[in-house]
Full PDB file with SEQRES, HELIX, SHEET, SSBOND, CRYST1, ORIGX, SCALE, CONECT and MASTER records, all heavy atoms in Angstrom:
SEQRES   1 A   40  TYR ASP LYS PRO VAL PHE VAL VAL SER THR SER LEU LYS          
SEQRES   2 A   40  GLU LEU PRO GLU ALA VAL LYS ASN LYS ALA THR ILE LEU          
SEQRES   3 A   40  SER LEU ASP PRO ASN ALA ILE LEU GLN GLN LEU SER LEU          
SEQRES   4 A   40  GLN                                                          
HELIX    1 AA1 GLU A   17  VAL A   19  5                                   3    
HELIX    2 AA2 PRO A   30  LEU A   39  1                                  10    
SHEET    1 AA1 2 VAL A   5  VAL A   8  0                                        
SHEET    2 AA1 2 ALA A  23  LEU A  26  1                                        
CRYST1    1.000    1.000    1.000  90.00  90.00  90.00 P 1           1          
ORIGX1      1.000000  0.000000  0.000000        0.00000                         
ORIGX2      0.000000  1.000000  0.000000        0.00000                         
ORIGX3      0.000000  0.000000  1.000000        0.00000                         
SCALE1      1.000000  0.000000  0.000000        0.00000                         
SCALE2      0.000000  1.000000  0.000000        0.00000                         
SCALE3      0.000000  0.000000  1.000000        0.00000                         
ATOM      1  N   TYR A   1      10.284 -13.719   9.192  1.00  0.00           N  
ATOM      2  CA  TYR A   1      10.529 -12.303   9.585  1.00  0.00           C  
ATOM      3  C   TYR A   1      11.686 -12.099  10.546  1.00  0.00           C  
ATOM      4  O   TYR A   1      11.888 -12.897  11.428  1.00  0.00           O  
ATOM      5  CB  TYR A   1       9.237 -11.702  10.280  1.00  0.00           C  
ATOM      6  CG  TYR A   1       8.023 -11.842   9.397  1.00  0.00           C  
ATOM      7  CD1 TYR A   1       6.977 -12.603   9.945  1.00  0.00           C  
ATOM      8  CD2 TYR A   1       7.855 -11.230   8.172  1.00  0.00           C  
ATOM      9  CE1 TYR A   1       5.777 -12.731   9.166  1.00  0.00           C  
ATOM     10  CE2 TYR A   1       6.667 -11.338   7.457  1.00  0.00           C  
ATOM     11  CZ  TYR A   1       5.642 -12.113   8.046  1.00  0.00           C  
ATOM     12  OH  TYR A   1       4.546 -12.297   7.143  1.00  0.00           O  
ATOM     13  N   ASP A   2      12.390 -10.990  10.371  1.00  0.00           N  
ATOM     14  CA  ASP A   2      13.537 -10.661  11.310  1.00  0.00           C  
ATOM     15  C   ASP A   2      13.248  -9.273  11.956  1.00  0.00           C  
ATOM     16  O   ASP A   2      14.150  -8.635  12.547  1.00  0.00           O  
ATOM     17  CB  ASP A   2      14.850 -10.766  10.673  1.00  0.00           C  
ATOM     18  CG  ASP A   2      14.955  -9.736   9.497  1.00  0.00           C  
ATOM     19  OD1 ASP A   2      14.027  -8.983   9.215  1.00  0.00           O  
ATOM     20  OD2 ASP A   2      16.099  -9.626   8.892  1.00  0.00           O  
ATOM     21  N   LYS A   3      11.978  -8.862  11.823  1.00  0.00           N  
ATOM     22  CA  LYS A   3      11.574  -7.481  12.350  1.00  0.00           C  
ATOM     23  C   LYS A   3      10.447  -7.879  13.470  1.00  0.00           C  
ATOM     24  O   LYS A   3       9.936  -9.028  13.375  1.00  0.00           O  
ATOM     25  CB  LYS A   3      10.958  -6.587  11.331  1.00  0.00           C  
ATOM     26  CG  LYS A   3      11.809  -6.490  10.089  1.00  0.00           C  
ATOM     27  CD  LYS A   3      12.634  -5.205  10.220  1.00  0.00           C  
ATOM     28  CE  LYS A   3      13.529  -5.096   8.930  1.00  0.00           C  
ATOM     29  NZ  LYS A   3      14.292  -3.885   8.977  1.00  0.00           N  
ATOM     30  N   PRO A   4      10.136  -6.938  14.263  1.00  0.00           N  
ATOM     31  CA  PRO A   4       9.112  -7.132  15.243  1.00  0.00           C  
ATOM     32  C   PRO A   4       7.795  -7.335  14.443  1.00  0.00           C  
ATOM     33  O   PRO A   4       7.464  -6.628  13.512  1.00  0.00           O  
ATOM     34  CB  PRO A   4       9.041  -5.915  16.027  1.00  0.00           C  
ATOM     35  CG  PRO A   4      10.360  -5.277  15.939  1.00  0.00           C  
ATOM     36  CD  PRO A   4      10.888  -5.662  14.544  1.00  0.00           C  
ATOM     37  N   VAL A   5       7.014  -8.437  14.847  1.00  0.00           N  
ATOM     38  CA  VAL A   5       5.694  -8.709  14.219  1.00  0.00           C  
ATOM     39  C   VAL A   5       4.599  -8.540  15.212  1.00  0.00           C  
ATOM     40  O   VAL A   5       4.641  -9.026  16.328  1.00  0.00           O  
ATOM     41  CB  VAL A   5       5.716 -10.185  13.657  1.00  0.00           C  
ATOM     42  CG1 VAL A   5       4.395 -10.591  13.081  1.00  0.00           C  
ATOM     43  CG2 VAL A   5       6.850 -10.377  12.657  1.00  0.00           C  
ATOM     44  N   PHE A   6       3.522  -7.852  14.688  1.00  0.00           N  
ATOM     45  CA  PHE A   6       2.348  -7.716  15.540  1.00  0.00           C  
ATOM     46  C   PHE A   6       1.145  -8.345  14.769  1.00  0.00           C  
ATOM     47  O   PHE A   6       0.925  -8.077  13.580  1.00  0.00           O  
ATOM     48  CB  PHE A   6       2.107  -6.169  15.738  1.00  0.00           C  
ATOM     49  CG  PHE A   6       3.162  -5.577  16.501  1.00  0.00           C  
ATOM     50  CD1 PHE A   6       4.342  -5.027  15.878  1.00  0.00           C  
ATOM     51  CD2 PHE A   6       3.135  -5.528  17.836  1.00  0.00           C  
ATOM     52  CE1 PHE A   6       5.357  -4.464  16.530  1.00  0.00           C  
ATOM     53  CE2 PHE A   6       4.218  -4.950  18.648  1.00  0.00           C  
ATOM     54  CZ  PHE A   6       5.318  -4.420  17.985  1.00  0.00           C  
ATOM     55  N   VAL A   7       0.496  -9.296  15.399  1.00  0.00           N  
ATOM     56  CA  VAL A   7      -0.587  -9.949  14.822  1.00  0.00           C  
ATOM     57  C   VAL A   7      -1.925  -9.365  15.304  1.00  0.00           C  
ATOM     58  O   VAL A   7      -2.135  -9.328  16.537  1.00  0.00           O  
ATOM     59  CB  VAL A   7      -0.611 -11.522  15.194  1.00  0.00           C  
ATOM     60  CG1 VAL A   7      -1.742 -12.251  14.548  1.00  0.00           C  
ATOM     61  CG2 VAL A   7       0.699 -12.127  14.861  1.00  0.00           C  
ATOM     62  N   VAL A   8      -2.713  -8.865  14.309  1.00  0.00           N  
ATOM     63  CA  VAL A   8      -3.979  -8.169  14.726  1.00  0.00           C  
ATOM     64  C   VAL A   8      -5.125  -9.252  14.761  1.00  0.00           C  
ATOM     65  O   VAL A   8      -5.401  -9.864  13.683  1.00  0.00           O  
ATOM     66  CB  VAL A   8      -4.281  -7.033  13.781  1.00  0.00           C  
ATOM     67  CG1 VAL A   8      -5.591  -6.346  14.172  1.00  0.00           C  
ATOM     68  CG2 VAL A   8      -3.152  -6.001  13.752  1.00  0.00           C  
ATOM     69  N   SER A   9      -5.715  -9.422  15.976  1.00  0.00           N  
ATOM     70  CA  SER A   9      -6.715 -10.416  16.001  1.00  0.00           C  
ATOM     71  C   SER A   9      -7.606 -10.236  17.276  1.00  0.00           C  
ATOM     72  O   SER A   9      -7.006  -9.800  18.304  1.00  0.00           O  
ATOM     73  CB  SER A   9      -6.160 -11.834  16.060  1.00  0.00           C  
ATOM     74  OG  SER A   9      -7.228 -12.779  16.344  1.00  0.00           O  
ATOM     75  N   THR A  10      -8.841 -10.309  17.151  1.00  0.00           N  
ATOM     76  CA  THR A  10      -9.779 -10.213  18.288  1.00  0.00           C  
ATOM     77  C   THR A  10     -10.021 -11.564  18.822  1.00  0.00           C  
ATOM     78  O   THR A  10     -10.555 -11.836  19.983  1.00  0.00           O  
ATOM     79  CB  THR A  10     -11.012  -9.496  17.931  1.00  0.00           C  
ATOM     80  OG1 THR A  10     -11.716 -10.220  16.890  1.00  0.00           O  
ATOM     81  CG2 THR A  10     -10.849  -8.065  17.601  1.00  0.00           C  
ATOM     82  N   SER A  11      -9.712 -12.706  18.077  1.00  0.00           N  
ATOM     83  CA  SER A  11     -10.086 -14.020  18.435  1.00  0.00           C  
ATOM     84  C   SER A  11      -8.828 -14.801  19.073  1.00  0.00           C  
ATOM     85  O   SER A  11      -8.967 -15.641  19.861  1.00  0.00           O  
ATOM     86  CB  SER A  11     -10.616 -14.834  17.323  1.00  0.00           C  
ATOM     87  OG  SER A  11      -9.694 -14.909  16.254  1.00  0.00           O  
ATOM     88  N   LEU A  12      -7.653 -14.476  18.612  1.00  0.00           N  
ATOM     89  CA  LEU A  12      -6.427 -15.101  19.209  1.00  0.00           C  
ATOM     90  C   LEU A  12      -6.148 -14.467  20.575  1.00  0.00           C  
ATOM     91  O   LEU A  12      -6.061 -13.338  20.756  1.00  0.00           O  
ATOM     92  CB  LEU A  12      -5.186 -14.715  18.352  1.00  0.00           C  
ATOM     93  CG  LEU A  12      -4.782 -15.759  17.282  1.00  0.00           C  
ATOM     94  CD1 LEU A  12      -3.554 -15.166  16.545  1.00  0.00           C  
ATOM     95  CD2 LEU A  12      -4.566 -17.108  17.742  1.00  0.00           C  
ATOM     96  N   LYS A  13      -6.007 -15.352  21.506  1.00  0.00           N  
ATOM     97  CA  LYS A  13      -5.683 -14.950  22.824  1.00  0.00           C  
ATOM     98  C   LYS A  13      -4.243 -15.324  23.286  1.00  0.00           C  
ATOM     99  O   LYS A  13      -3.691 -14.720  24.159  1.00  0.00           O  
ATOM    100  CB  LYS A  13      -6.625 -15.649  23.825  1.00  0.00           C  
ATOM    101  CG  LYS A  13      -8.083 -15.404  23.549  1.00  0.00           C  
ATOM    102  CD  LYS A  13      -8.397 -13.895  23.523  1.00  0.00           C  
ATOM    103  CE  LYS A  13      -9.897 -13.620  23.266  1.00  0.00           C  
ATOM    104  NZ  LYS A  13     -10.026 -12.345  22.682  1.00  0.00           N  
ATOM    105  N   GLU A  14      -3.694 -16.238  22.575  1.00  0.00           N  
ATOM    106  CA  GLU A  14      -2.278 -16.737  22.808  1.00  0.00           C  
ATOM    107  C   GLU A  14      -1.645 -17.200  21.605  1.00  0.00           C  
ATOM    108  O   GLU A  14      -2.277 -17.705  20.707  1.00  0.00           O  
ATOM    109  CB  GLU A  14      -2.381 -17.905  23.881  1.00  0.00           C  
ATOM    110  CG  GLU A  14      -1.066 -18.192  24.524  1.00  0.00           C  
ATOM    111  CD  GLU A  14      -1.213 -19.258  25.616  1.00  0.00           C  
ATOM    112  OE1 GLU A  14      -2.321 -19.825  25.704  1.00  0.00           O  
ATOM    113  OE2 GLU A  14      -0.280 -19.521  26.299  1.00  0.00           O  
ATOM    114  N   LEU A  15      -0.360 -16.898  21.495  1.00  0.00           N  
ATOM    115  CA  LEU A  15       0.430 -17.370  20.293  1.00  0.00           C  
ATOM    116  C   LEU A  15       0.878 -18.738  20.501  1.00  0.00           C  
ATOM    117  O   LEU A  15       1.182 -19.175  21.682  1.00  0.00           O  
ATOM    118  CB  LEU A  15       1.629 -16.444  20.148  1.00  0.00           C  
ATOM    119  CG  LEU A  15       1.243 -14.977  19.767  1.00  0.00           C  
ATOM    120  CD1 LEU A  15       2.525 -14.172  19.889  1.00  0.00           C  
ATOM    121  CD2 LEU A  15       0.714 -14.988  18.327  1.00  0.00           C  
ATOM    122  N   PRO A  16       1.116 -19.540  19.471  1.00  0.00           N  
ATOM    123  CA  PRO A  16       1.797 -20.886  19.580  1.00  0.00           C  
ATOM    124  C   PRO A  16       3.150 -20.768  20.284  1.00  0.00           C  
ATOM    125  O   PRO A  16       3.784 -19.723  19.990  1.00  0.00           O  
ATOM    126  CB  PRO A  16       1.826 -21.347  18.183  1.00  0.00           C  
ATOM    127  CG  PRO A  16       0.826 -20.551  17.373  1.00  0.00           C  
ATOM    128  CD  PRO A  16       0.794 -19.235  18.053  1.00  0.00           C  
ATOM    129  N   GLU A  17       3.551 -21.640  20.981  1.00  0.00           N  
ATOM    130  CA  GLU A  17       4.749 -21.662  21.703  1.00  0.00           C  
ATOM    131  C   GLU A  17       5.975 -21.334  20.809  1.00  0.00           C  
ATOM    132  O   GLU A  17       6.864 -20.609  21.174  1.00  0.00           O  
ATOM    133  CB  GLU A  17       5.037 -23.048  22.317  1.00  0.00           C  
ATOM    134  CG  GLU A  17       6.074 -22.999  23.468  1.00  0.00           C  
ATOM    135  CD  GLU A  17       5.790 -22.130  24.614  1.00  0.00           C  
ATOM    136  OE1 GLU A  17       4.644 -22.136  25.093  1.00  0.00           O  
ATOM    137  OE2 GLU A  17       6.652 -21.484  25.072  1.00  0.00           O  
ATOM    138  N   ALA A  18       6.027 -21.905  19.578  1.00  0.00           N  
ATOM    139  CA  ALA A  18       7.168 -21.625  18.630  1.00  0.00           C  
ATOM    140  C   ALA A  18       7.371 -20.196  18.331  1.00  0.00           C  
ATOM    141  O   ALA A  18       8.441 -19.836  17.843  1.00  0.00           O  
ATOM    142  CB  ALA A  18       6.915 -22.555  17.387  1.00  0.00           C  
ATOM    143  N   VAL A  19       6.302 -19.394  18.372  1.00  0.00           N  
ATOM    144  CA  VAL A  19       6.505 -17.963  17.957  1.00  0.00           C  
ATOM    145  C   VAL A  19       6.238 -16.964  19.050  1.00  0.00           C  
ATOM    146  O   VAL A  19       6.105 -15.758  18.763  1.00  0.00           O  
ATOM    147  CB  VAL A  19       5.638 -17.650  16.726  1.00  0.00           C  
ATOM    148  CG1 VAL A  19       6.098 -18.527  15.597  1.00  0.00           C  
ATOM    149  CG2 VAL A  19       4.126 -17.835  17.078  1.00  0.00           C  
ATOM    150  N   LYS A  20       6.161 -17.452  20.288  1.00  0.00           N  
ATOM    151  CA  LYS A  20       5.788 -16.454  21.402  1.00  0.00           C  
ATOM    152  C   LYS A  20       6.824 -15.330  21.548  1.00  0.00           C  
ATOM    153  O   LYS A  20       6.435 -14.244  21.938  1.00  0.00           O  
ATOM    154  CB  LYS A  20       5.694 -17.247  22.740  1.00  0.00           C  
ATOM    155  CG  LYS A  20       4.333 -17.952  22.913  1.00  0.00           C  
ATOM    156  CD  LYS A  20       4.089 -18.380  24.276  1.00  0.00           C  
ATOM    157  CE  LYS A  20       2.641 -18.940  24.420  1.00  0.00           C  
ATOM    158  NZ  LYS A  20       2.372 -19.424  25.728  1.00  0.00           N  
ATOM    159  N   ASN A  21       8.083 -15.676  21.271  1.00  0.00           N  
ATOM    160  CA  ASN A  21       9.076 -14.624  21.452  1.00  0.00           C  
ATOM    161  C   ASN A  21       9.319 -13.840  20.063  1.00  0.00           C  
ATOM    162  O   ASN A  21      10.203 -13.059  19.972  1.00  0.00           O  
ATOM    163  CB  ASN A  21      10.405 -15.127  21.951  1.00  0.00           C  
ATOM    164  CG  ASN A  21      10.963 -16.241  20.978  1.00  0.00           C  
ATOM    165  OD1 ASN A  21      10.302 -16.671  20.098  1.00  0.00           O  
ATOM    166  ND2 ASN A  21      12.267 -16.500  21.237  1.00  0.00           N  
ATOM    167  N   LYS A  22       8.525 -14.168  19.018  1.00  0.00           N  
ATOM    168  CA  LYS A  22       8.655 -13.578  17.681  1.00  0.00           C  
ATOM    169  C   LYS A  22       7.591 -12.663  17.281  1.00  0.00           C  
ATOM    170  O   LYS A  22       7.712 -11.953  16.334  1.00  0.00           O  
ATOM    171  CB  LYS A  22       8.860 -14.647  16.687  1.00  0.00           C  
ATOM    172  CG  LYS A  22      10.106 -15.511  16.943  1.00  0.00           C  
ATOM    173  CD  LYS A  22      10.153 -16.630  15.962  1.00  0.00           C  
ATOM    174  CE  LYS A  22      11.368 -17.541  16.285  1.00  0.00           C  
ATOM    175  NZ  LYS A  22      11.481 -18.677  15.405  1.00  0.00           N  
ATOM    176  N   ALA A  23       6.458 -12.664  18.015  1.00  0.00           N  
ATOM    177  CA  ALA A  23       5.301 -11.882  17.629  1.00  0.00           C  
ATOM    178  C   ALA A  23       4.457 -11.466  18.844  1.00  0.00           C  
ATOM    179  O   ALA A  23       4.755 -11.999  19.999  1.00  0.00           O  
ATOM    180  CB  ALA A  23       4.403 -12.737  16.738  1.00  0.00           C  
ATOM    181  N   THR A  24       3.661 -10.469  18.640  1.00  0.00           N  
ATOM    182  CA  THR A  24       2.794  -9.917  19.746  1.00  0.00           C  
ATOM    183  C   THR A  24       1.428  -9.807  19.148  1.00  0.00           C  
ATOM    184  O   THR A  24       1.198  -9.285  18.047  1.00  0.00           O  
ATOM    185  CB  THR A  24       3.373  -8.557  20.151  1.00  0.00           C  
ATOM    186  OG1 THR A  24       4.666  -8.634  20.578  1.00  0.00           O  
ATOM    187  CG2 THR A  24       2.505  -8.003  21.322  1.00  0.00           C  
ATOM    188  N   ILE A  25       0.361 -10.174  19.981  1.00  0.00           N  
ATOM    189  CA  ILE A  25      -0.947 -10.028  19.566  1.00  0.00           C  
ATOM    190  C   ILE A  25      -1.441  -8.613  19.871  1.00  0.00           C  
ATOM    191  O   ILE A  25      -1.282  -8.072  20.975  1.00  0.00           O  
ATOM    192  CB  ILE A  25      -1.881 -10.988  20.255  1.00  0.00           C  
ATOM    193  CG1 ILE A  25      -1.493 -12.484  19.931  1.00  0.00           C  
ATOM    194  CG2 ILE A  25      -3.369 -10.840  19.917  1.00  0.00           C  
ATOM    195  CD1 ILE A  25      -2.205 -13.561  20.670  1.00  0.00           C  
ATOM    196  N   LEU A  26      -2.199  -7.943  18.904  1.00  0.00           N  
ATOM    197  CA  LEU A  26      -2.877  -6.714  19.108  1.00  0.00           C  
ATOM    198  C   LEU A  26      -4.305  -6.876  18.854  1.00  0.00           C  
ATOM    199  O   LEU A  26      -4.715  -7.484  17.806  1.00  0.00           O  
ATOM    200  CB  LEU A  26      -2.247  -5.559  18.181  1.00  0.00           C  
ATOM    201  CG  LEU A  26      -0.770  -5.203  18.393  1.00  0.00           C  
ATOM    202  CD1 LEU A  26      -0.403  -4.165  17.322  1.00  0.00           C  
ATOM    203  CD2 LEU A  26      -0.615  -4.619  19.757  1.00  0.00           C  
ATOM    204  N   SER A  27      -5.186  -6.302  19.702  1.00  0.00           N  
ATOM    205  CA  SER A  27      -6.604  -6.393  19.444  1.00  0.00           C  
ATOM    206  C   SER A  27      -7.142  -4.936  19.413  1.00  0.00           C  
ATOM    207  O   SER A  27      -7.988  -4.476  20.198  1.00  0.00           O  
ATOM    208  CB  SER A  27      -7.336  -7.175  20.520  1.00  0.00           C  
ATOM    209  OG  SER A  27      -6.950  -8.456  20.524  1.00  0.00           O  
ATOM    210  N   LEU A  28      -6.541  -4.191  18.435  1.00  0.00           N  
ATOM    211  CA  LEU A  28      -6.879  -2.759  18.316  1.00  0.00           C  
ATOM    212  C   LEU A  28      -7.317  -2.403  16.929  1.00  0.00           C  
ATOM    213  O   LEU A  28      -7.035  -3.083  16.022  1.00  0.00           O  
ATOM    214  CB  LEU A  28      -5.594  -1.887  18.667  1.00  0.00           C  
ATOM    215  CG  LEU A  28      -4.877  -2.151  20.034  1.00  0.00           C  
ATOM    216  CD1 LEU A  28      -3.521  -1.520  20.090  1.00  0.00           C  
ATOM    217  CD2 LEU A  28      -5.756  -1.664  21.151  1.00  0.00           C  
ATOM    218  N   ASP A  29      -8.015  -1.252  16.789  1.00  0.00           N  
ATOM    219  CA  ASP A  29      -8.311  -0.734  15.494  1.00  0.00           C  
ATOM    220  C   ASP A  29      -7.091  -0.130  14.803  1.00  0.00           C  
ATOM    221  O   ASP A  29      -6.077   0.162  15.499  1.00  0.00           O  
ATOM    222  CB  ASP A  29      -9.549   0.229  15.521  1.00  0.00           C  
ATOM    223  CG  ASP A  29      -9.203   1.514  16.242  1.00  0.00           C  
ATOM    224  OD1 ASP A  29      -8.262   2.217  15.878  1.00  0.00           O  
ATOM    225  OD2 ASP A  29      -9.861   1.815  17.281  1.00  0.00           O  
ATOM    226  N   PRO A  30      -7.171   0.173  13.507  1.00  0.00           N  
ATOM    227  CA  PRO A  30      -5.925   0.694  12.797  1.00  0.00           C  
ATOM    228  C   PRO A  30      -5.306   1.953  13.407  1.00  0.00           C  
ATOM    229  O   PRO A  30      -4.197   2.046  13.518  1.00  0.00           O  
ATOM    230  CB  PRO A  30      -6.451   0.894  11.419  1.00  0.00           C  
ATOM    231  CG  PRO A  30      -7.562  -0.139  11.201  1.00  0.00           C  
ATOM    232  CD  PRO A  30      -8.224  -0.200  12.497  1.00  0.00           C  
ATOM    233  N   ASN A  31      -6.214   2.897  13.802  1.00  0.00           N  
ATOM    234  CA  ASN A  31      -5.704   4.175  14.408  1.00  0.00           C  
ATOM    235  C   ASN A  31      -4.904   3.824  15.706  1.00  0.00           C  
ATOM    236  O   ASN A  31      -3.861   4.360  15.900  1.00  0.00           O  
ATOM    237  CB  ASN A  31      -6.835   5.165  14.676  1.00  0.00           C  
ATOM    238  CG  ASN A  31      -7.235   5.841  13.428  1.00  0.00           C  
ATOM    239  OD1 ASN A  31      -6.453   6.551  12.792  1.00  0.00           O  
ATOM    240  ND2 ASN A  31      -8.476   5.741  12.970  1.00  0.00           N  
ATOM    241  N   ALA A  32      -5.567   3.016  16.511  1.00  0.00           N  
ATOM    242  CA  ALA A  32      -4.908   2.704  17.801  1.00  0.00           C  
ATOM    243  C   ALA A  32      -3.633   1.911  17.612  1.00  0.00           C  
ATOM    244  O   ALA A  32      -2.604   2.042  18.368  1.00  0.00           O  
ATOM    245  CB  ALA A  32      -5.865   1.889  18.661  1.00  0.00           C  
ATOM    246  N   ILE A  33      -3.546   1.112  16.580  1.00  0.00           N  
ATOM    247  CA  ILE A  33      -2.352   0.392  16.303  1.00  0.00           C  
ATOM    248  C   ILE A  33      -1.275   1.247  15.980  1.00  0.00           C  
ATOM    249  O   ILE A  33      -0.191   1.243  16.411  1.00  0.00           O  
ATOM    250  CB  ILE A  33      -2.505  -0.679  15.124  1.00  0.00           C  
ATOM    251  CG1 ILE A  33      -3.473  -1.805  15.534  1.00  0.00           C  
ATOM    252  CG2 ILE A  33      -1.212  -1.190  14.591  1.00  0.00           C  
ATOM    253  CD1 ILE A  33      -4.031  -2.736  14.406  1.00  0.00           C  
ATOM    254  N   LEU A  34      -1.567   2.193  15.086  1.00  0.00           N  
ATOM    255  CA  LEU A  34      -0.472   3.223  14.660  1.00  0.00           C  
ATOM    256  C   LEU A  34       0.014   4.087  15.889  1.00  0.00           C  
ATOM    257  O   LEU A  34       1.213   4.342  16.070  1.00  0.00           O  
ATOM    258  CB  LEU A  34      -0.921   4.107  13.536  1.00  0.00           C  
ATOM    259  CG  LEU A  34      -1.146   3.463  12.250  1.00  0.00           C  
ATOM    260  CD1 LEU A  34      -1.600   4.565  11.156  1.00  0.00           C  
ATOM    261  CD2 LEU A  34      -0.048   2.618  11.785  1.00  0.00           C  
ATOM    262  N   GLN A  35      -0.950   4.426  16.710  1.00  0.00           N  
ATOM    263  CA  GLN A  35      -0.600   5.243  17.896  1.00  0.00           C  
ATOM    264  C   GLN A  35       0.343   4.411  18.864  1.00  0.00           C  
ATOM    265  O   GLN A  35       1.341   4.939  19.341  1.00  0.00           O  
ATOM    266  CB  GLN A  35      -1.935   5.655  18.653  1.00  0.00           C  
ATOM    267  CG  GLN A  35      -2.622   6.752  17.956  1.00  0.00           C  
ATOM    268  CD  GLN A  35      -3.925   7.122  18.681  1.00  0.00           C  
ATOM    269  OE1 GLN A  35      -4.410   6.332  19.535  1.00  0.00           O  
ATOM    270  NE2 GLN A  35      -4.511   8.253  18.295  1.00  0.00           N  
ATOM    271  N   GLN A  36      -0.068   3.222  19.175  1.00  0.00           N  
ATOM    272  CA  GLN A  36       0.766   2.332  20.011  1.00  0.00           C  
ATOM    273  C   GLN A  36       2.116   2.138  19.454  1.00  0.00           C  
ATOM    274  O   GLN A  36       3.031   2.197  20.169  1.00  0.00           O  
ATOM    275  CB  GLN A  36      -0.010   0.944  20.232  1.00  0.00           C  
ATOM    276  CG  GLN A  36       0.845   0.150  21.243  1.00  0.00           C  
ATOM    277  CD  GLN A  36       0.088  -1.145  21.690  1.00  0.00           C  
ATOM    278  OE1 GLN A  36      -1.076  -1.036  21.780  1.00  0.00           O  
ATOM    279  NE2 GLN A  36       0.785  -2.210  21.867  1.00  0.00           N  
ATOM    280  N   LEU A  37       2.214   1.779  18.173  1.00  0.00           N  
ATOM    281  CA  LEU A  37       3.530   1.427  17.581  1.00  0.00           C  
ATOM    282  C   LEU A  37       4.399   2.743  17.507  1.00  0.00           C  
ATOM    283  O   LEU A  37       5.613   2.612  17.730  1.00  0.00           O  
ATOM    284  CB  LEU A  37       3.352   0.812  16.236  1.00  0.00           C  
ATOM    285  CG  LEU A  37       2.704  -0.519  16.176  1.00  0.00           C  
ATOM    286  CD1 LEU A  37       2.623  -1.080  14.787  1.00  0.00           C  
ATOM    287  CD2 LEU A  37       3.508  -1.492  17.148  1.00  0.00           C  
ATOM    288  N   SER A  38       3.743   3.850  17.276  1.00  0.00           N  
ATOM    289  CA  SER A  38       4.460   5.090  17.344  1.00  0.00           C  
ATOM    290  C   SER A  38       5.092   5.326  18.670  1.00  0.00           C  
ATOM    291  O   SER A  38       6.191   5.776  18.784  1.00  0.00           O  
ATOM    292  CB  SER A  38       3.565   6.262  16.861  1.00  0.00           C  
ATOM    293  OG  SER A  38       4.326   7.476  16.879  1.00  0.00           O  
ATOM    294  N   LEU A  39       4.298   5.085  19.769  1.00  0.00           N  
ATOM    295  CA  LEU A  39       4.755   5.346  21.078  1.00  0.00           C  
ATOM    296  C   LEU A  39       5.966   4.276  21.439  1.00  0.00           C  
ATOM    297  O   LEU A  39       6.754   4.604  22.295  1.00  0.00           O  
ATOM    298  CB  LEU A  39       3.577   5.068  22.118  1.00  0.00           C  
ATOM    299  CG  LEU A  39       2.566   6.160  22.161  1.00  0.00           C  
ATOM    300  CD1 LEU A  39       1.379   5.707  23.051  1.00  0.00           C  
ATOM    301  CD2 LEU A  39       3.094   7.443  22.589  1.00  0.00           C  
ATOM    302  N   GLN A  40       6.013   3.149  20.697  1.00  0.00           N  
ATOM    303  CA  GLN A  40       7.086   2.271  20.893  1.00  0.00           C  
ATOM    304  C   GLN A  40       8.268   2.630  20.081  1.00  0.00           C  
ATOM    305  O   GLN A  40       9.247   1.876  20.067  1.00  0.00           O  
ATOM    306  CB  GLN A  40       6.563   0.807  20.606  1.00  0.00           C  
ATOM    307  CG  GLN A  40       5.584   0.311  21.525  1.00  0.00           C  
ATOM    308  CD  GLN A  40       5.090  -1.126  21.151  1.00  0.00           C  
ATOM    309  OE1 GLN A  40       5.899  -1.895  20.627  1.00  0.00           O  
ATOM    310  NE2 GLN A  40       3.923  -1.383  21.578  1.00  0.00           N  
TER     311      GLN A  40                                                      
MASTER        0    0    0    2    2    0    0    6  310    1    0    4          
END                                                                             
């Protein structure tokens, strides 16, 4: 990917070192995800 990536998970607490600057963890429901991304 060359776009911002958001990983949806309630079990992942941390990303592997190799992708820490390439993805962000979200633990939200679909509506909240859209709201947060819209605000960004």
